[in-house]
C-alpha cells in the first residue's frame, strides 16, 4: 500500500517548523535582553509594560509562523515540495525584524542623547 505522505517528509516538515519556532523565540529573547541592557546603559527604567509587549509579540509571531506552516501543509502532498519554505521564509523575516531592533538598541547606546540629563544637571549644579 502506498502512503499519501512519506513519514520521513512529515518528520522533516515538523522538525524544520520546530527549529524555525525555536530560532524566532531565541531572537525575541535576545532582543528583550538587548533592550533591557540598553535601558540600563542609558539610565532608563525597565517597564513591566515592555515585558508584556514581548509576550504579545511572541503570540503574534507564533500566529504568523503558523499561517506559513498551514500553507506548507498544503504543499506536503506534492512531491516537488520538499521543505516548508513559507514557514522558513516567514521565520527568516521575523528574525530580520528582531535583528533590526537590536541594531536600533545599539544606536541608542552609542548616542550621546542619553548624556543630556547628566550634562544639564552639571550645568545647573555649577550655575547655582
Protein backbone atom coordinates (compact mmCIF):
# COMPACT_ATOMS: atom_id res chain seq x y z
CA UNK A 1 0.00 0.00 0.00
CA UNK A 2 1.33 3.41 -0.98
CA UNK A 3 1.30 6.20 1.58
CA UNK A 4 -0.02 9.62 0.71
CA UNK A 5 2.72 11.43 2.61
CA UNK A 6 6.02 9.69 3.36
CA UNK A 7 6.74 9.63 7.08
CA UNK A 8 10.27 11.00 6.67
CA UNK A 9 8.87 14.02 4.79
CA UNK A 10 6.39 14.62 7.60
CA UNK A 11 9.21 14.42 10.16
CA UNK A 12 11.26 16.87 8.10
CA UNK A 13 8.40 19.38 7.93
CA UNK A 14 7.67 19.19 11.65
CA UNK A 15 11.37 19.32 12.53
CA UNK A 16 12.03 22.38 10.37
CA UNK A 17 8.90 24.07 11.73
CA UNK A 18 10.03 23.49 15.33
CA UNK A 19 13.54 24.71 14.51
CA UNK A 20 12.11 27.90 12.98
CA UNK A 21 9.94 28.44 16.07
CA UNK A 22 12.92 27.98 18.40
CA UNK A 23 15.08 30.36 16.36
CA UNK A 24 12.38 33.05 16.35
CA UNK A 25 11.86 32.70 20.11
CA UNK A 26 15.63 32.94 20.61
CA UNK A 27 15.69 36.13 18.51
CA UNK A 28 12.87 37.62 20.60
CA UNK A 29 14.69 36.75 23.82
CA UNK A 30 17.92 38.28 22.51
CA UNK A 31 16.03 41.44 21.58
CA UNK A 32 14.46 41.58 25.05
CA UNK A 33 17.85 41.11 26.71
CA UNK A 34 19.40 43.75 24.47
CA UNK A 35 16.54 46.16 25.20
CA UNK A 36 16.96 45.74 28.96
CA UNK A 37 20.74 46.17 28.58
CA UNK A 38 20.19 49.36 26.56
CA UNK A 39 17.76 50.72 29.14
CA UNK A 40 20.31 50.14 31.90
CA UNK A 41 23.12 51.75 29.88
CA UNK A 42 21.00 54.82 29.10
CA UNK A 43 19.74 55.03 32.71
CA UNK A 44 16.10 54.42 31.80
CA UNK A 45 13.61 52.41 33.79
CA UNK A 46 12.62 48.98 32.58
CA UNK A 47 8.83 48.99 32.50
CA UNK A 48 6.78 45.86 33.01
CA UNK A 49 4.62 47.06 30.12
CA UNK A 50 7.54 46.46 27.75
CA UNK A 51 7.87 42.91 29.07
CA UNK A 52 4.15 42.30 28.49
CA UNK A 53 4.56 43.62 24.96
CA UNK A 54 7.22 40.95 24.40
CA UNK A 55 4.72 38.23 25.32
CA UNK A 56 2.15 39.76 22.96
CA UNK A 57 4.81 39.92 20.23
CA UNK A 58 5.57 36.22 20.72
CA UNK A 59 1.92 35.30 20.23
CA UNK A 60 1.67 37.48 17.10
CA UNK A 61 4.80 35.92 15.67
CA UNK A 62 3.54 32.42 16.56
CA UNK A 63 0.33 33.06 14.60
CA UNK A 64 2.32 34.38 11.65
CA UNK A 65 4.55 31.30 11.53
CA UNK A 66 1.52 29.01 11.94
CA UNK A 67 -0.12 30.60 8.89
CA UNK A 68 3.04 29.89 6.92
CA UNK A 69 3.13 26.31 8.18
CA UNK A 70 -0.52 25.78 7.22
CA UNK A 71 0.32 26.90 3.68
CA UNK A 72 3.24 24.46 3.76
CA UNK A 73 0.89 21.67 4.89
CA UNK A 74 -0.92 22.04 1.59
CA UNK A 75 2.39 21.64 -0.22
CA UNK A 76 3.33 18.48 1.67
CA UNK A 77 1.12 16.45 -0.68
CA UNK A 78 3.19 17.40 -3.74
CA UNK A 79 6.40 15.53 -4.48
CA UNK A 80 8.29 18.65 -5.59
CA UNK A 81 7.55 20.48 -2.32
CA UNK A 82 10.44 19.14 -0.26
CA UNK A 83 10.60 21.60 2.65
CA UNK A 84 8.30 24.06 4.50
CA UNK A 85 9.50 27.06 2.50
CA UNK A 86 6.81 29.51 3.63
CA UNK A 87 7.41 28.92 7.36
CA UNK A 88 11.17 29.25 6.82
CA UNK A 89 10.67 32.46 4.84
CA UNK A 90 8.32 33.94 7.47
CA UNK A 91 10.69 32.89 10.26
CA UNK A 92 13.66 34.47 8.49
CA UNK A 93 11.67 37.68 8.06
CA UNK A 94 10.80 37.78 11.76
CA UNK A 95 14.43 37.17 12.73
CA UNK A 96 15.47 40.06 10.46
CA UNK A 97 12.92 42.30 12.22
CA UNK A 98 14.38 41.36 15.61
CA UNK A 99 17.94 41.92 14.35
CA UNK A 100 16.94 45.38 13.11
CA UNK A 101 15.55 46.12 16.56
CA UNK A 102 18.86 45.10 18.15
CA UNK A 103 20.74 47.43 15.79
CA UNK A 104 18.42 50.24 16.89
CA UNK A 105 19.26 49.45 20.51
CA UNK A 106 22.97 49.60 19.68
CA UNK A 107 22.50 53.01 18.05
CA UNK A 108 20.66 54.25 21.15
CA UNK A 109 23.54 53.08 23.34
CA UNK A 110 26.06 54.88 21.14
CA UNK A 111 24.02 58.08 21.01
CA UNK A 112 25.09 60.85 23.35
CA UNK A 113 21.47 61.90 23.90
CA UNK A 114 21.45 59.69 26.97
CA UNK A 115 24.08 62.01 28.49
CA UNK A 116 21.88 65.14 28.18
CA UNK A 117 20.24 64.85 31.65
CA UNK A 118 23.66 64.47 33.30
CA UNK A 119 25.11 67.41 31.35
CA UNK A 120 22.13 69.61 32.24
CA UNK A 121 22.45 68.59 35.88
CA UNK A 122 26.15 69.53 35.83
CA UNK A 123 25.38 72.92 34.25
CA UNK A 124 22.59 73.69 36.73
CA UNK A 125 24.73 72.50 39.64
CA UNK A 126 27.65 74.75 38.67
CA UNK A 127 25.42 77.74 37.98
CA UNK A 128 23.83 77.70 41.45
